[in-house]
């Protein structure tokens, strides 16, 4: 009987670092994974049937300062004027039931 040739598996560099997990492993150890992401800022790739389907990682925090707000307002003066005009326009009619 002829022997079937087995396909050689390519080593996955990400798997060697321990940052790739199967969907089942992620479900069973979700709390631990979240703790590592929070404490070590680790990034995990979740695979299903050997294909990456999701990534679990830390959320990027963006800081928006008052200086950023001032720059934004200075860059769009017409939009601010239109917004102010819109809110000044809204008036309650004397007869609430008449439009």
N, C-alpha and C. Protein backbone atom coordinates (compact mmCIF):
# COMPACT_ATOMS: atom_id res chain seq x y z
N UNK A 1 0.83 -1.16 0.00
CA UNK A 1 0.00 0.00 0.00
C UNK A 1 0.89 1.24 0.00
N UNK A 2 0.66 2.18 -0.94
CA UNK A 2 1.52 3.35 -0.99
C UNK A 2 1.24 4.28 0.18
N UNK A 3 2.31 4.85 0.67
CA UNK A 3 2.16 5.77 1.79
C UNK A 3 1.73 7.14 1.28
N UNK A 4 0.83 7.73 2.02
CA UNK A 4 0.40 9.07 1.65
C UNK A 4 1.40 10.09 2.18
N UNK A 5 1.66 11.04 1.35
CA UNK A 5 2.63 12.06 1.73
C UNK A 5 1.92 13.12 2.58
N UNK A 6 2.46 13.37 3.74
CA UNK A 6 1.85 14.36 4.62
C UNK A 6 2.40 15.74 4.29
N UNK A 7 1.52 16.68 4.33
CA UNK A 7 1.91 18.05 4.06
C UNK A 7 2.64 18.62 5.28
N UNK A 8 3.76 19.23 5.03
CA UNK A 8 4.52 19.82 6.13
C UNK A 8 3.83 21.11 6.57
N UNK A 9 3.69 21.26 7.86
CA UNK A 9 3.07 22.47 8.38
C UNK A 9 4.13 23.55 8.52
N UNK A 10 3.77 24.71 8.03
CA UNK A 10 4.70 25.83 8.16
C UNK A 10 4.62 26.36 9.57
N UNK A 11 5.75 26.64 10.18
CA UNK A 11 5.70 27.21 11.53
C UNK A 11 5.14 28.63 11.47
N UNK A 12 4.29 28.94 12.40
CA UNK A 12 3.68 30.25 12.47
C UNK A 12 4.42 31.06 13.52
N UNK A 13 5.00 32.17 13.11
CA UNK A 13 5.79 32.99 14.04
C UNK A 13 4.91 33.55 15.15
N UNK A 14 3.66 33.89 14.80
CA UNK A 14 2.78 34.44 15.83
C UNK A 14 2.42 33.38 16.87
N UNK A 15 2.23 32.14 16.42
CA UNK A 15 1.90 31.09 17.37
C UNK A 15 3.05 30.83 18.34
N UNK A 16 4.27 30.98 17.87
CA UNK A 16 5.43 30.76 18.73
C UNK A 16 5.47 31.78 19.86
N UNK A 17 4.95 32.99 19.61
CA UNK A 17 4.97 34.02 20.65
C UNK A 17 3.83 33.83 21.65
N UNK A 18 2.89 32.91 21.36
CA UNK A 18 1.81 32.65 22.27
C UNK A 18 0.67 33.65 22.16
N UNK A 19 0.61 34.40 21.09
CA UNK A 19 -0.41 35.42 20.94
C UNK A 19 -1.52 35.02 19.98
N UNK A 20 -1.49 33.82 19.45
CA UNK A 20 -2.56 33.31 18.60
C UNK A 20 -3.28 32.22 19.37
N UNK A 21 -4.61 32.34 19.45
CA UNK A 21 -5.40 31.35 20.17
C UNK A 21 -6.55 30.90 19.29
N UNK A 22 -6.99 29.69 19.51
CA UNK A 22 -8.16 29.20 18.79
C UNK A 22 -9.41 29.82 19.41
N UNK A 23 -10.50 29.77 18.70
CA UNK A 23 -11.75 30.32 19.21
C UNK A 23 -12.18 29.60 20.49
N UNK A 24 -11.94 28.30 20.54
CA UNK A 24 -12.30 27.54 21.74
C UNK A 24 -11.46 27.96 22.93
N UNK A 25 -10.14 28.11 22.72
CA UNK A 25 -9.26 28.57 23.80
C UNK A 25 -9.66 29.96 24.28
N UNK A 26 -9.99 30.84 23.33
CA UNK A 26 -10.39 32.20 23.69
C UNK A 26 -11.66 32.18 24.53
N UNK A 27 -12.62 31.33 24.16
CA UNK A 27 -13.88 31.26 24.91
C UNK A 27 -13.65 30.71 26.32
N UNK A 28 -12.80 29.70 26.43
CA UNK A 28 -12.56 29.09 27.74
C UNK A 28 -11.74 29.99 28.65
N UNK A 29 -10.83 30.78 28.09
CA UNK A 29 -9.91 31.59 28.89
C UNK A 29 -10.09 33.09 28.64
N UNK A 30 -11.32 33.51 28.37
CA UNK A 30 -11.54 34.91 27.99
C UNK A 30 -11.14 35.89 29.09
N UNK A 31 -11.45 35.56 30.32
CA UNK A 31 -11.08 36.44 31.44
C UNK A 31 -9.58 36.62 31.55
N UNK A 32 -8.84 35.53 31.40
CA UNK A 32 -7.37 35.60 31.46
C UNK A 32 -6.82 36.43 30.30
N UNK A 33 -7.38 36.24 29.12
CA UNK A 33 -6.92 36.99 27.95
C UNK A 33 -7.16 38.48 28.15
N UNK A 34 -8.34 38.83 28.65
CA UNK A 34 -8.65 40.24 28.88
C UNK A 34 -7.71 40.83 29.93
N UNK A 35 -7.41 40.07 30.98
CA UNK A 35 -6.47 40.56 32.00
C UNK A 35 -5.09 40.83 31.40
N UNK A 36 -4.61 39.92 30.55
CA UNK A 36 -3.30 40.12 29.93
C UNK A 36 -3.30 41.31 28.98
N UNK A 37 -4.41 41.50 28.28
CA UNK A 37 -4.50 42.65 27.38
C UNK A 37 -4.45 43.94 28.20
N UNK A 38 -5.17 43.95 29.31
CA UNK A 38 -5.20 45.15 30.16
C UNK A 38 -3.85 45.41 30.83
N UNK A 39 -3.23 44.38 31.37
CA UNK A 39 -2.01 44.56 32.14
C UNK A 39 -0.76 44.65 31.27
N UNK A 40 -0.66 43.80 30.25
CA UNK A 40 0.55 43.74 29.43
C UNK A 40 0.38 44.43 28.08
N UNK A 41 -0.85 44.89 27.78
CA UNK A 41 -1.18 45.47 26.48
C UNK A 41 -0.88 44.48 25.35
N UNK A 42 -1.14 43.21 25.62
CA UNK A 42 -0.92 42.15 24.65
C UNK A 42 -2.02 42.16 23.60
N UNK A 43 -1.70 41.66 22.42
CA UNK A 43 -2.67 41.56 21.33
C UNK A 43 -2.78 40.09 20.96
N UNK A 44 -4.01 39.58 20.91
CA UNK A 44 -4.26 38.19 20.57
C UNK A 44 -5.02 38.10 19.26
N UNK A 45 -4.65 37.14 18.44
CA UNK A 45 -5.37 36.85 17.21
C UNK A 45 -6.14 35.56 17.44
N UNK A 46 -7.45 35.60 17.20
CA UNK A 46 -8.31 34.43 17.40
C UNK A 46 -8.50 33.76 16.05
N UNK A 47 -8.23 32.46 16.02
CA UNK A 47 -8.36 31.69 14.78
C UNK A 47 -9.50 30.70 14.89
N UNK A 48 -10.19 30.51 13.78
CA UNK A 48 -11.19 29.46 13.67
C UNK A 48 -10.86 28.67 12.42
N UNK A 49 -10.69 27.39 12.57
CA UNK A 49 -10.29 26.49 11.48
C UNK A 49 -8.97 26.93 10.86
N UNK A 50 -8.07 27.45 11.69
CA UNK A 50 -6.74 27.83 11.22
C UNK A 50 -6.67 29.18 10.53
N UNK A 51 -7.80 29.90 10.45
CA UNK A 51 -7.81 31.20 9.79
C UNK A 51 -8.10 32.28 10.81
N UNK A 52 -7.36 33.39 10.77
CA UNK A 52 -7.61 34.47 11.72
C UNK A 52 -8.97 35.12 11.46
N UNK A 53 -9.78 35.27 12.52
CA UNK A 53 -11.11 35.84 12.38
C UNK A 53 -11.33 37.06 13.26
N UNK A 54 -10.52 37.23 14.30
CA UNK A 54 -10.72 38.36 15.21
C UNK A 54 -9.41 38.70 15.89
N UNK A 55 -9.39 39.90 16.43
CA UNK A 55 -8.21 40.35 17.15
C UNK A 55 -8.68 40.97 18.47
N UNK A 56 -8.03 40.59 19.55
CA UNK A 56 -8.35 41.14 20.86
C UNK A 56 -7.14 41.94 21.31
N UNK A 57 -7.34 43.21 21.56
CA UNK A 57 -6.22 44.06 21.94
C UNK A 57 -6.69 45.27 22.72
N UNK A 58 -5.74 46.05 23.22
CA UNK A 58 -6.09 47.23 24.00
C UNK A 58 -6.72 48.31 23.13
N UNK A 59 -7.57 49.09 23.73
CA UNK A 59 -8.22 50.19 23.04
C UNK A 59 -7.26 51.37 23.05
N UNK A 60 -7.14 52.01 21.89
CA UNK A 60 -6.30 53.20 21.83
C UNK A 60 -7.06 54.36 22.42
N UNK A 61 -6.46 54.99 23.41
CA UNK A 61 -7.10 56.15 24.02
C UNK A 61 -6.61 57.40 23.31
N UNK A 62 -7.56 58.22 22.92
CA UNK A 62 -7.22 59.46 22.24
C UNK A 62 -7.53 60.61 23.18
N UNK A 63 -6.58 61.50 23.29
CA UNK A 63 -6.73 62.66 24.16
C UNK A 63 -7.10 63.85 23.30
N UNK A 64 -8.16 64.53 23.69
CA UNK A 64 -8.61 65.71 22.97
C UNK A 64 -8.55 66.87 23.96
N UNK A 65 -7.60 67.77 23.75
CA UNK A 65 -7.37 68.86 24.69
C UNK A 65 -8.18 70.10 24.28
N UNK A 66 -8.18 71.08 25.15
CA UNK A 66 -8.84 72.34 24.83
C UNK A 66 -8.16 73.02 23.65
N UNK A 67 -6.86 72.84 23.54
CA UNK A 67 -6.14 73.42 22.40
C UNK A 67 -6.63 72.78 21.10
N UNK A 68 -6.86 71.46 21.12
CA UNK A 68 -7.40 70.78 19.94
C UNK A 68 -8.79 71.31 19.60
N UNK A 69 -9.61 71.58 20.62
CA UNK A 69 -10.94 72.13 20.39
C UNK A 69 -10.85 73.53 19.78
N UNK A 70 -9.94 74.34 20.30
CA UNK A 70 -9.77 75.69 19.76
C UNK A 70 -9.32 75.64 18.31
N UNK A 71 -8.41 74.74 17.99
CA UNK A 71 -7.95 74.59 16.60
C UNK A 71 -9.09 74.13 15.69
N UNK A 72 -9.92 73.22 16.19
CA UNK A 72 -11.05 72.74 15.40
C UNK A 72 -12.05 73.85 15.13
N UNK A 73 -12.36 74.62 16.16
CA UNK A 73 -13.30 75.72 15.99
C UNK A 73 -12.75 76.80 15.08
N UNK A 74 -11.45 77.04 15.15
CA UNK A 74 -10.84 78.04 14.29
C UNK A 74 -10.82 77.59 12.83
N UNK A 75 -10.74 76.29 12.61
CA UNK A 75 -10.67 75.78 11.24
C UNK A 75 -12.03 75.72 10.55
N UNK A 76 -13.12 75.76 11.33
CA UNK A 76 -14.46 75.68 10.74
C UNK A 76 -15.36 76.77 11.31
N UNK A 77 -15.08 78.05 11.06
CA UNK A 77 -15.90 79.10 11.66
C UNK A 77 -17.32 79.15 11.11
N UNK A 78 -17.52 78.84 9.84
CA UNK A 78 -18.86 78.90 9.26
C UNK A 78 -19.76 77.83 9.84
N UNK A 79 -19.22 76.68 10.14
CA UNK A 79 -20.03 75.61 10.73
C UNK A 79 -20.51 76.02 12.11
N UNK A 80 -19.66 76.69 12.86
CA UNK A 80 -20.05 77.15 14.20
C UNK A 80 -21.14 78.21 14.09
N UNK A 81 -20.97 79.14 13.14
CA UNK A 81 -21.97 80.18 12.96
C UNK A 81 -23.32 79.58 12.54
N UNK A 82 -23.29 78.59 11.67
CA UNK A 82 -24.53 77.95 11.25
C UNK A 82 -25.19 77.22 12.42
N UNK A 83 -24.39 76.62 13.27
CA UNK A 83 -24.94 75.92 14.44
C UNK A 83 -25.58 76.89 15.40
N UNK A 84 -24.93 78.02 15.64
CA UNK A 84 -25.50 79.02 16.54
C UNK A 84 -26.80 79.57 15.95
N UNK A 85 -26.80 79.85 14.64
CA UNK A 85 -28.00 80.38 13.98
C UNK A 85 -29.14 79.37 14.08
N UNK A 86 -28.84 78.10 13.94
CA UNK A 86 -29.88 77.07 14.02
C UNK A 86 -30.54 77.07 15.39
N UNK A 87 -29.73 77.14 16.44
CA UNK A 87 -30.30 77.09 17.78
C UNK A 87 -31.02 78.38 18.14
N UNK A 88 -30.63 79.49 17.58
CA UNK A 88 -31.34 80.74 17.83
C UNK A 88 -32.64 80.78 17.04
N UNK A 89 -32.73 80.07 15.95
CA UNK A 89 -33.91 80.05 15.10
C UNK A 89 -35.07 79.32 15.76
N UNK A 90 -34.77 78.27 16.52
CA UNK A 90 -35.82 77.45 17.10
C UNK A 90 -36.58 78.25 18.15
N UNK A 91 -37.82 78.62 17.83
CA UNK A 91 -38.67 79.38 18.74
C UNK A 91 -39.99 78.65 18.90
N UNK A 92 -40.57 78.80 20.03
CA UNK A 92 -41.85 78.16 20.31
C UNK A 92 -42.96 79.08 19.79
N UNK A 93 -43.89 78.58 18.97
CA UNK A 93 -44.98 79.44 18.49
C UNK A 93 -45.92 79.82 19.63
N UNK A 94 -46.62 80.92 19.47
CA UNK A 94 -47.55 81.37 20.50
C UNK A 94 -48.64 80.33 20.75
N UNK A 95 -49.20 79.79 19.66
CA UNK A 95 -50.20 78.74 19.77
C UNK A 95 -49.50 77.41 19.54
N UNK A 96 -49.34 76.61 20.56
CA UNK A 96 -48.58 75.35 20.44
C UNK A 96 -49.22 74.39 19.46
N UNK A 97 -50.52 74.50 19.22
CA UNK A 97 -51.20 73.54 18.37
C UNK A 97 -51.19 73.95 16.91
N UNK A 98 -50.81 75.17 16.64
CA UNK A 98 -50.74 75.63 15.25
C UNK A 98 -49.28 75.58 14.79
N UNK A 99 -49.08 75.19 13.58
CA UNK A 99 -47.71 75.13 13.08
C UNK A 99 -47.34 76.36 12.39
